[in-house]
Amino acid sequence: MFSKNSIIGVIGSGAMGSGIAQVAASAGHSVIIYDNNEKALEKAQQQLTKSLNGLVEKNKITAEKKEAILKAIQFIHKLPDLATCDLVIEAIVENLEIKKTVFADLENILAKQAVIASNTSSLSITALGAAVKNPGHFIGIHFFNPATLMPLVEIIPGIATNSEVVDACKSLIDSWGKTTVMAKDTPGFIVNRVARPFYSEALRIYEEGLADIATIDWAMKDIGGFRMGPFELMDLIGHDVNYVVTETVWKQFYFDPKFKPALAQKRLLEGGFLGKKSGSGFYDYRGGALKPEAVKDEILGKMIVNRILCMLINEAADALYYQIASAEDIDLAMTKGVNYPKGLLKWADELGLAHVANTLKSLHDFYEEDRYRLSPLIKKHRVSGNGFYHV
């Protein structure tokens, strides 16, 4: 279905759209970026040139490669100019109705055999695909930011997506040097579902006053081995993005308390404290601001890590139980998509499922909240004595 000669279209010239375009062009494709905002297109073109110049300076690519990539990418502001594309990947605002309108207009422009894909991180692929007359050629292809650096891409078929389209898209993205995982069309797919407790349980610990943000971040990095603490990461992502994903997943799961957003983060969003992009969030990034000191209490730190980690493992187990993805793809997604130090299901086997179960039971007994209910799969494996990777 696709080849080196396939023309790739990208809708949206923001950081994600431009990154996807750079990846496709670097793999040898002709690429067309569409944005209805001409100033945004100019900015994207300037930023792309700057990014490629930086790669040349670092000897990551040659000057000839840079010129080839720039030559391969065309910037347009009229949707009909995408007519020659074989695959179009949408990367615009996370709004169901806006996306559906774009897809309906796009289908009338493209050839019948062309494929339309969404880079959505939390909206239903099936719901988006309902906007087109041929949903068999509609699919989710979810890159992670920055698309040029992050290796993971989630491939998400909708209910109506043709199997040959799924196989062709997976092969194509694999040929771009990315690591692909297959995910069922459920809220958050793999990463944005399984990762929720990394933020939500850290926020819960903070809201309860058990530890401050600096201490929680220190524990997760120095004891847990994570590259960033949850509050640092939320500030980096931006609360206008991270909170909205949390709220979207929560609503789509019919307000399941496992995914309930935190008021502490909502208040930051309401006040415009979006994190690094605005100068302050959980931390103050303005010039001269002092970073708070962590309380480096090892007992407290181990409690923090254990509580958050067991919640993460529980969510990964539920994702496997409900057949969102295979155990291998779930672990691959979390290590390649959000840089976790280990796959969560392998980590569970190392810790022992009895330990995970006892931790969740203690939390459930204390709080009497459904938020801490144990995954049926952990119960099943604990009884049988099996792990996720050994029998």
Protein backbone atom coordinates (compact mmCIF):
# COMPACT_ATOMS: atom_id res chain seq x y z
CA MET A 1 0.00 0.00 0.00
CA PHE A 2 2.87 2.38 0.84
CA SER A 3 6.37 2.74 -0.64
CA LYS A 4 9.28 5.20 -0.61
CA ASN A 5 7.38 7.10 -3.30
CA SER A 6 4.32 7.55 -1.11
CA ILE A 7 3.52 11.18 -0.40
CA ILE A 8 2.85 11.95 3.25
CA GLY A 9 0.56 14.78 4.30
CA VAL A 10 0.53 16.39 7.74
CA ILE A 11 -2.28 18.62 9.02
CA GLY A 12 -1.04 21.07 11.64
CA SER A 13 2.32 22.85 11.63
CA GLY A 14 2.84 22.94 15.39
CA ALA A 15 5.68 21.13 17.16
CA MET A 16 4.07 17.72 16.73
CA GLY A 17 3.04 18.16 13.09
CA SER A 18 6.42 19.59 12.11
CA GLY A 19 8.18 16.79 13.95
CA ILE A 20 6.18 14.11 12.14
CA ALA A 21 6.92 15.83 8.82
CA GLN A 22 10.65 15.88 9.60
CA VAL A 23 10.61 12.17 10.47
CA ALA A 24 8.81 11.26 7.23
CA ALA A 25 11.06 13.47 5.09
CA SER A 26 14.17 12.07 6.79
CA ALA A 27 12.97 8.61 5.74
CA GLY A 28 12.92 9.74 2.10
CA HIS A 29 9.30 10.73 1.55
CA SER A 30 7.89 13.82 -0.08
CA VAL A 31 5.89 15.61 2.61
CA ILE A 32 3.19 18.27 2.49
CA ILE A 33 2.36 20.24 5.66
CA TYR A 34 -0.99 22.02 5.75
CA ASP A 35 -2.03 24.75 8.17
CA ASN A 36 -4.74 27.36 7.63
CA ASN A 37 -2.58 29.87 9.51
CA GLU A 38 0.09 31.24 7.17
CA LYS A 39 2.08 32.82 10.01
CA ALA A 40 2.18 29.45 11.79
CA LEU A 41 3.51 27.89 8.59
CA GLU A 42 6.27 30.50 8.32
CA LYS A 43 7.23 29.92 11.94
CA ALA A 44 7.26 26.15 11.40
CA GLN A 45 9.49 26.49 8.36
CA GLN A 46 11.93 28.69 10.27
CA GLN A 47 11.93 26.33 13.24
CA LEU A 48 12.51 23.29 11.02
CA THR A 49 15.49 24.97 9.35
CA LYS A 50 16.89 25.91 12.75
CA SER A 51 16.42 22.35 14.03
CA LEU A 52 18.13 20.82 11.01
CA ASN A 53 21.01 23.32 11.22
CA GLY A 54 21.50 22.19 14.81
CA LEU A 55 21.70 18.56 13.70
CA VAL A 56 24.32 19.49 11.10
CA GLU A 57 26.38 21.34 13.74
CA LYS A 58 26.25 18.27 15.99
CA ASN A 59 27.28 16.02 13.06
CA LYS A 60 24.00 14.10 13.35
CA ILE A 61 23.23 14.70 9.67
CA THR A 62 25.20 16.09 6.72
CA ALA A 63 24.53 19.45 5.08
CA GLU A 64 23.39 17.54 2.00
CA LYS A 65 20.87 15.56 4.08
CA LYS A 66 19.57 18.80 5.58
CA GLU A 67 18.97 20.28 2.15
CA ALA A 68 17.29 17.07 0.96
CA ILE A 69 14.89 17.14 3.92
CA LEU A 70 14.03 20.82 3.41
CA LYS A 71 13.51 20.24 -0.29
CA ALA A 72 11.21 17.28 0.44
CA ILE A 73 8.81 19.31 2.62
CA GLN A 74 6.22 21.62 1.11
CA PHE A 75 4.28 24.09 3.28
CA ILE A 76 0.71 24.86 2.16
CA HIS A 77 -2.33 26.74 3.50
CA LYS A 78 -4.99 25.35 1.15
CA LEU A 79 -6.46 21.95 2.04
CA PRO A 80 -6.99 20.85 -1.61
CA ASP A 81 -3.21 20.91 -2.07
CA LEU A 82 -3.12 17.64 -0.07
CA ALA A 83 -4.92 15.84 -2.92
CA THR A 84 -1.85 13.86 -4.04
CA CYS A 85 -1.10 12.40 -0.58
CA ASP A 86 -1.21 8.66 0.06
CA LEU A 87 -1.34 9.07 3.85
CA VAL A 88 -2.39 12.17 5.78
CA ILE A 89 -1.66 12.41 9.50
CA GLU A 90 -3.65 14.98 11.47
CA ALA A 91 -1.96 16.74 14.41
CA ILE A 92 -4.21 19.60 15.47
CA VAL A 93 -6.15 20.63 18.59
CA GLU A 94 -7.69 17.81 20.68
CA ASN A 95 -11.28 18.66 19.82
CA LEU A 96 -13.52 15.92 18.45
CA GLU A 97 -15.81 18.13 16.36
CA ILE A 98 -13.02 20.20 14.83
CA LYS A 99 -11.12 17.06 13.84
CA LYS A 100 -14.23 15.41 12.38
CA THR A 101 -14.93 18.47 10.22
CA VAL A 102 -11.37 18.40 8.88
CA PHE A 103 -11.57 14.67 8.11
CA ALA A 104 -14.87 14.99 6.26
CA ASP A 105 -13.45 17.80 4.10
CA LEU A 106 -10.20 15.90 3.57
CA GLU A 107 -11.86 12.71 2.37
CA ASN A 108 -13.53 14.62 -0.47
CA ILE A 109 -10.09 15.75 -1.67
CA LEU A 110 -8.01 12.57 -1.40
CA ALA A 111 -7.94 9.56 -3.71
CA LYS A 112 -10.18 6.67 -2.65
CA GLN A 113 -7.24 4.44 -1.64
CA ALA A 114 -5.58 7.12 0.53
CA VAL A 115 -5.40 6.64 4.31
CA ILE A 116 -6.36 9.25 6.89
CA ALA A 117 -4.77 9.03 10.34
CA SER A 118 -5.13 10.95 13.58
CA ASN A 119 -2.32 11.65 16.02
CA THR A 120 -4.86 12.07 18.84
CA SER A 121 -3.62 11.07 22.28
CA SER A 122 -6.98 10.56 23.96
CA LEU A 123 -9.96 10.73 21.58
CA SER A 124 -11.71 7.65 20.16
CA ILE A 125 -10.42 6.58 16.75
CA THR A 126 -13.78 4.99 15.97
CA ALA A 127 -15.62 8.22 16.84
CA LEU A 128 -13.24 10.24 14.66
CA GLY A 129 -13.54 7.71 11.84
CA ALA A 130 -17.31 8.11 11.87
CA ALA A 131 -16.78 11.46 10.13
CA VAL A 132 -15.64 9.79 6.90
CA LYS A 133 -17.53 7.64 4.39
CA ASN A 134 -14.77 5.02 4.30
CA PRO A 135 -13.76 4.37 7.93
CA GLY A 136 -11.86 1.29 6.76
CA HIS A 137 -9.11 3.69 5.65
CA PHE A 138 -9.06 5.63 8.93
CA ILE A 139 -6.61 4.81 11.75
CA GLY A 140 -4.83 6.21 14.80
CA ILE A 141 -1.07 6.80 14.52
CA HIS A 142 0.02 8.36 17.80
CA PHE A 143 3.53 9.84 17.99
CA PHE A 144 5.07 11.15 21.20
CA ASN A 145 6.56 14.61 21.63
CA PRO A 146 9.14 15.43 20.35
CA ALA A 147 8.35 13.15 17.41
CA THR A 148 11.89 13.43 16.05
CA LEU A 149 13.40 12.01 19.24
CA MET A 150 10.80 9.78 20.89
CA PRO A 151 10.97 6.27 19.39
CA LEU A 152 7.47 5.06 20.27
CA VAL A 153 4.42 5.22 18.00
CA GLU A 154 1.07 3.67 19.00
CA ILE A 155 -0.92 2.17 16.11
CA ILE A 156 -4.65 2.20 16.93
CA PRO A 157 -7.25 0.67 14.59
CA GLY A 158 -10.85 1.80 14.93
CA ILE A 159 -13.65 -0.76 14.90
CA ALA A 160 -14.00 -0.38 11.13
CA THR A 161 -10.32 -0.07 10.14
CA ASN A 162 -9.29 -2.60 7.47
CA SER A 163 -6.59 -5.07 8.55
CA GLU A 164 -4.48 -4.32 5.45
CA VAL A 165 -4.48 -0.63 6.41
CA VAL A 166 -3.29 -1.54 9.91
CA ASP A 167 -0.48 -3.73 8.57
CA ALA A 168 0.56 -1.15 5.96
CA CYS A 169 0.69 1.70 8.49
CA LYS A 170 2.66 -0.37 11.00
CA SER A 171 5.19 -1.39 8.32
CA LEU A 172 5.50 2.19 7.12
CA ILE A 173 6.14 3.67 10.56
CA ASP A 174 8.57 0.83 11.33
CA SER A 175 10.47 1.79 8.15
CA TRP A 176 10.85 5.29 9.57
CA GLY A 177 12.94 3.84 12.39
CA LYS A 178 10.22 4.04 15.01
CA THR A 179 9.16 1.41 17.57
CA THR A 180 5.49 0.58 17.02
CA VAL A 181 3.03 -1.01 19.42
CA MET A 182 -0.54 -2.08 18.72
CA ALA A 183 -3.27 -0.69 20.97
CA LYS A 184 -7.03 -1.19 21.24
CA ASP A 185 -9.21 1.88 20.72
CA THR A 186 -9.89 2.69 24.36
CA PRO A 187 -9.36 5.97 26.29
CA GLY A 188 -5.66 6.89 26.50
CA PHE A 189 -4.65 3.82 24.44
CA ILE A 190 -1.59 2.34 26.25
CA VAL A 191 0.69 5.10 27.49
CA ASN A 192 -1.80 7.81 28.42
CA ARG A 193 -3.92 5.26 30.24
CA VAL A 194 -1.23 3.34 32.10
CA ALA A 195 0.76 6.47 33.03
CA ARG A 196 -2.12 8.27 34.78
CA PRO A 197 -1.18 7.06 38.32
CA PHE A 198 2.35 8.49 37.88
CA TYR A 199 0.71 11.90 38.08
CA SER A 200 -2.53 11.26 39.96
CA GLU A 201 -1.07 9.27 42.86
CA ALA A 202 1.79 11.77 43.24
CA LEU A 203 -0.82 14.54 43.37
CA ARG A 204 -2.84 12.57 45.92
CA ILE A 205 0.20 12.16 48.17
CA TYR A 206 0.91 15.90 47.84
CA GLU A 207 -2.71 16.94 48.50
CA GLU A 208 -2.77 14.80 51.62
CA GLY A 209 0.34 16.57 52.90
CA LEU A 210 2.33 13.34 53.19
CA ALA A 211 5.20 14.89 51.21
CA ASP A 212 5.91 18.06 49.26
CA ILE A 213 6.49 18.21 45.51
CA ALA A 214 10.28 18.37 45.72
CA THR A 215 10.39 15.32 47.99
CA ILE A 216 8.06 13.30 45.77
CA ASP A 217 10.13 14.18 42.68
CA TRP A 218 13.36 13.31 44.49
CA ALA A 219 11.98 9.93 45.61
CA MET A 220 10.77 8.95 42.15
CA LYS A 221 14.13 9.86 40.58
CA ASP A 222 16.71 8.86 43.16
CA ILE A 223 14.94 5.83 44.62
CA GLY A 224 12.56 4.86 41.83
CA GLY A 225 15.00 5.42 38.96
CA PHE A 226 12.64 7.53 36.85
CA ARG A 227 14.28 10.20 34.68
CA MET A 228 11.94 12.94 35.87
CA GLY A 229 9.71 13.38 38.86
CA PRO A 230 5.94 13.60 38.27
CA PHE A 231 5.70 17.31 39.11
CA GLU A 232 8.70 18.20 36.95
CA LEU A 233 7.15 16.21 34.11
CA MET A 234 3.70 17.78 34.49
CA ASP A 235 5.31 21.23 34.39
CA LEU A 236 7.29 20.26 31.30
CA ILE A 237 4.26 18.83 29.46
CA GLY A 238 2.13 21.78 30.50
CA HIS A 239 -1.01 21.62 32.63
CA ASP A 240 -3.12 22.71 29.67
CA VAL A 241 -2.13 19.38 28.09
CA ASN A 242 -1.55 17.01 31.01
CA TYR A 243 -4.65 17.96 32.99
CA VAL A 244 -6.87 17.88 29.91
CA VAL A 245 -5.68 14.36 29.00
CA THR A 246 -6.38 13.21 32.57
CA GLU A 247 -9.84 14.75 32.53
CA THR A 248 -10.61 13.32 29.08
CA VAL A 249 -9.60 9.79 30.11
CA TRP A 250 -11.62 10.12 33.35
CA LYS A 251 -14.76 11.23 31.51
CA GLN A 252 -14.40 8.57 28.80
CA PHE A 253 -14.16 5.88 31.47
CA TYR A 254 -17.51 7.05 32.88
CA PHE A 255 -15.85 8.92 35.76
CA ASP A 256 -13.98 5.90 37.11
CA PRO A 257 -12.34 7.10 40.38
CA LYS A 258 -9.04 5.52 39.28
CA PHE A 259 -8.63 8.37 36.79
CA LYS A 260 -10.11 11.23 38.81
CA PRO A 261 -8.20 14.51 38.21
CA ALA A 262 -6.70 16.48 41.10
CA LEU A 263 -7.93 19.90 42.19
CA ALA A 264 -4.34 21.00 42.86
CA GLN A 265 -3.56 20.68 39.15
CA LYS A 266 -6.90 22.12 38.03
CA ARG A 267 -6.29 25.27 40.07
CA LEU A 268 -2.93 25.79 38.32
CA LEU A 269 -4.62 25.46 34.94
CA GLU A 270 -7.40 27.87 35.94
CA GLY A 271 -4.86 30.41 37.10
CA GLY A 272 -2.75 30.20 33.95
CA PHE A 273 0.17 28.57 35.78
CA LEU A 274 0.86 26.11 32.99
CA GLY A 275 4.38 25.06 33.94
CA LYS A 276 7.62 25.87 32.16
CA LYS A 277 5.86 27.45 29.16
CA SER A 278 4.27 30.12 31.37
CA GLY A 279 7.17 30.57 33.81
CA SER A 280 5.58 28.82 36.77
CA GLY A 281 3.54 25.77 37.69
CA PHE A 282 4.34 23.46 40.58
CA TYR A 283 7.81 25.03 40.40
CA ASP A 284 8.82 28.65 39.73
CA TYR A 285 10.95 28.93 36.58
CA ARG A 286 11.40 32.69 36.60
CA GLY A 287 14.88 34.16 36.89
CA GLY A 288 16.28 34.09 40.40
CA ALA A 289 13.63 31.72 41.77
CA LEU A 290 14.95 29.18 44.27
CA LYS A 291 14.07 25.55 43.77
CA PRO A 292 12.62 23.97 46.94
CA GLU A 293 14.75 21.41 48.76
CA ALA A 294 13.59 17.83 49.07
CA VAL A 295 13.28 16.08 52.41
CA LYS A 296 15.62 13.17 51.67
CA ASP A 297 14.08 10.74 54.13
CA GLU A 298 14.67 7.26 52.70
CA ILE A 299 11.76 5.62 54.55
CA LEU A 300 9.37 8.30 53.30
CA GLY A 301 10.91 8.09 49.82
CA LYS A 302 10.44 4.32 49.60
CA MET A 303 6.80 4.68 50.69
CA ILE A 304 6.20 7.24 47.93
CA VAL A 305 7.83 5.11 45.24
CA ASN A 306 6.08 1.92 46.34
CA ARG A 307 2.65 3.55 46.39
CA ILE A 308 2.97 5.16 42.95
CA LEU A 309 4.70 2.14 41.40
CA CYS A 310 2.09 -0.34 42.62
CA MET A 311 -0.67 1.89 41.22
CA LEU A 312 1.16 1.98 37.88
CA ILE A 313 1.58 -1.80 37.87
CA ASN A 314 -2.10 -2.24 38.72
CA GLU A 315 -3.09 -0.09 35.73
CA ALA A 316 -0.71 -1.97 33.41
CA ALA A 317 -2.24 -5.24 34.62
CA ASP A 318 -5.75 -3.93 33.90
CA ALA A 319 -4.65 -2.88 30.40
CA LEU A 320 -3.48 -6.45 29.79
CA TYR A 321 -6.60 -7.94 31.40
CA TYR A 322 -8.87 -5.93 29.10
CA GLN A 323 -6.70 -6.83 26.09
CA ILE A 324 -5.67 -3.25 25.30
CA ALA A 325 -2.30 -4.62 24.20
CA SER A 326 0.05 -7.54 24.75
CA ALA A 327 2.29 -7.68 27.83
CA GLU A 328 5.33 -7.07 25.61
CA ASP A 329 3.75 -4.04 23.92
CA ILE A 330 2.60 -2.56 27.24
CA ASP A 331 6.10 -2.78 28.68
CA LEU A 332 7.67 -1.54 25.44
CA ALA A 333 5.26 1.40 25.35
CA MET A 334 6.14 2.54 28.86
CA THR A 335 9.91 2.24 28.41
CA LYS A 336 10.02 3.78 24.91
CA GLY A 337 7.10 6.21 25.20
CA VAL A 338 7.68 7.74 28.65
CA ASN A 339 11.19 6.45 29.47
CA TYR A 340 10.25 4.33 32.49
CA PRO A 341 13.30 2.52 33.89
CA LYS A 342 11.64 -0.90 33.46
CA GLY A 343 8.54 -2.38 31.90
CA LEU A 344 5.84 -2.31 34.57
CA LEU A 345 4.77 -5.94 34.17
CA LYS A 346 8.38 -7.15 34.35
CA TRP A 347 8.83 -4.90 37.38
CA ALA A 348 5.76 -6.53 38.94
CA ASP A 349 7.32 -9.97 38.52
CA GLU A 350 10.49 -8.72 40.23
CA LEU A 351 8.61 -7.16 43.15
CA GLY A 352 6.29 -10.13 43.48
CA LEU A 353 2.56 -9.92 42.86
CA ALA A 354 1.85 -10.61 46.54
CA HIS A 355 3.69 -7.39 47.43
CA VAL A 356 1.71 -5.39 44.85
CA ALA A 357 -1.57 -6.93 46.02
CA ASN A 358 -0.81 -6.26 49.69
CA THR A 359 0.08 -2.63 48.96
CA LEU A 360 -3.17 -2.03 47.06
CA LYS A 361 -5.20 -3.87 49.72
CA SER A 362 -3.72 -1.69 52.47
CA LEU A 363 -4.58 1.47 50.52
CA HIS A 364 -8.09 0.19 49.77
CA ASP A 365 -8.69 -0.77 53.40
CA PHE A 366 -7.48 2.60 54.66
CA TYR A 367 -9.25 4.89 52.18
CA GLU A 368 -12.21 2.63 51.34
CA GLU A 369 -12.11 4.00 47.80
CA ASP A 370 -12.67 2.11 44.57
CA ARG A 371 -9.64 4.00 43.24
CA TYR A 372 -7.44 1.34 44.89
CA ARG A 373 -9.25 -1.78 43.69
CA LEU A 374 -6.93 -4.60 42.65
CA SER A 375 -6.81 -5.73 39.03
CA PRO A 376 -8.49 -9.12 38.51
CA LEU A 377 -5.41 -10.26 36.61
CA ILE A 378 -3.15 -9.69 39.61
CA LYS A 379 -5.61 -11.64 41.74
CA LYS A 380 -5.65 -14.45 39.19
CA HIS A 381 -1.85 -14.66 38.89
CA ARG A 382 -1.38 -14.41 42.64
CA VAL A 383 -3.63 -17.42 43.20
CA SER A 384 -1.97 -19.47 40.44
CA GLY A 385 1.54 -18.43 41.47
CA ASN A 386 2.30 -17.26 37.94
CA GLY A 387 3.88 -13.97 36.93
CA PHE A 388 3.24 -11.94 33.80
CA TYR A 389 6.28 -13.43 32.09
CA HIS A 390 6.71 -16.79 33.79
CA VAL A 391 4.41 -19.70 34.55
